[in-house]
Protein backbone atom coordinates (compact mmCIF):
# COMPACT_ATOMS: atom_id res chain seq x y z
CA MET A 1 112.62 63.68 110.33
CA LYS A 2 116.05 65.26 110.19
CA ASP A 3 117.72 66.36 113.41
CA TRP A 4 117.89 70.01 112.31
CA MET A 5 114.15 70.04 111.59
CA ILE A 6 113.36 68.68 115.04
CA ARG A 7 115.60 71.28 116.67
CA ALA A 8 114.04 74.11 114.64
CA LEU A 9 110.56 72.95 115.60
CA LYS A 10 111.55 72.80 119.27
CA THR A 11 112.98 76.33 119.04
CA PHE A 12 109.77 77.62 117.46
CA VAL A 13 107.61 75.98 120.13
CA GLN A 14 109.78 77.37 122.93
CA ALA A 15 109.83 80.88 121.48
CA PHE A 16 106.13 80.88 120.60
CA GLY A 17 105.10 79.28 123.89
CA GLY A 18 106.29 82.29 125.83
CA ILE A 19 103.93 84.62 123.99
CA PHE A 20 101.06 82.23 123.27
CA ILE A 21 99.20 82.57 126.57
CA PRO A 22 99.26 86.41 126.72
CA GLU A 23 98.12 86.63 123.09
CA LEU A 24 95.44 84.01 123.67
CA CYS A 25 94.16 86.11 126.58
CA ILE A 26 93.91 89.14 124.31
CA ILE A 27 92.05 87.17 121.64
CA LEU A 28 89.65 85.48 124.09
CA SER A 29 88.89 88.73 125.89
CA GLY A 30 87.46 90.12 122.65
CA ASN A 31 89.81 93.09 122.64
CA LEU A 32 91.04 92.48 119.12
CA PRO A 33 92.69 95.46 117.52
CA ASP A 34 90.91 97.34 114.78
CA ASP A 35 93.93 99.01 113.21
CA PHE A 36 97.18 97.91 111.62
CA ALA A 37 99.32 98.94 114.60
CA GLY A 38 97.29 96.74 116.91
CA TRP A 39 97.48 93.72 114.63
CA LYS A 40 101.18 94.31 114.22
CA MET A 41 101.59 94.01 117.99
CA LEU A 42 99.94 90.57 117.85
CA LEU A 43 101.83 89.30 114.79
CA ILE A 44 105.38 90.48 115.55
CA PRO A 45 105.95 87.82 118.26
CA LEU A 46 104.85 85.10 115.83
CA VAL A 47 107.26 86.41 113.20
CA CYS A 48 110.06 86.57 115.77
CA SER A 49 109.37 82.97 116.80
CA ALA A 50 109.55 81.86 113.18
CA LEU A 51 112.77 83.83 112.71
CA ALA A 52 114.31 82.18 115.78
CA ALA A 53 113.36 78.77 114.39
CA GLY A 54 114.86 79.66 111.02
CA ILE A 55 118.12 80.73 112.63
CA ALA A 56 118.20 77.53 114.68
CA ALA A 57 117.55 75.46 111.55
CA ALA A 58 120.32 77.19 109.60
CA TRP A 59 122.78 76.79 112.46
CA ASN A 60 121.95 73.10 112.92
CA ILE A 61 122.25 72.44 109.17
CA ILE A 62 125.72 73.99 109.25
CA LEU A 63 126.70 71.91 112.29
CA GLU A 64 125.34 68.74 110.67
CA HIS A 65 127.41 69.33 107.54
CA LEU A 66 130.50 70.09 109.61
CA ARG A 67 130.04 66.83 111.56
CA GLU A 68 129.59 64.84 108.35
CA GLY A 69 132.72 66.43 106.87
CA ALA A 70 134.78 65.56 109.96
CA GLU A 71 133.86 61.88 109.76
């Protein structure tokens, strides 16, 4: 697996880990939302985690290419 993929995966896990337990508590308590606004509150952290991983992947790809060009 490429270095940038590993770093992006780590970033996703770190970002998602911070919101996983609170969201799991909401899901297990049975208080699932019944409207779009409620579901949006649950899904936005997941989207933000994926966005953080995407940014980390793009940055690490750029750094990898810069390192290869310098050698």
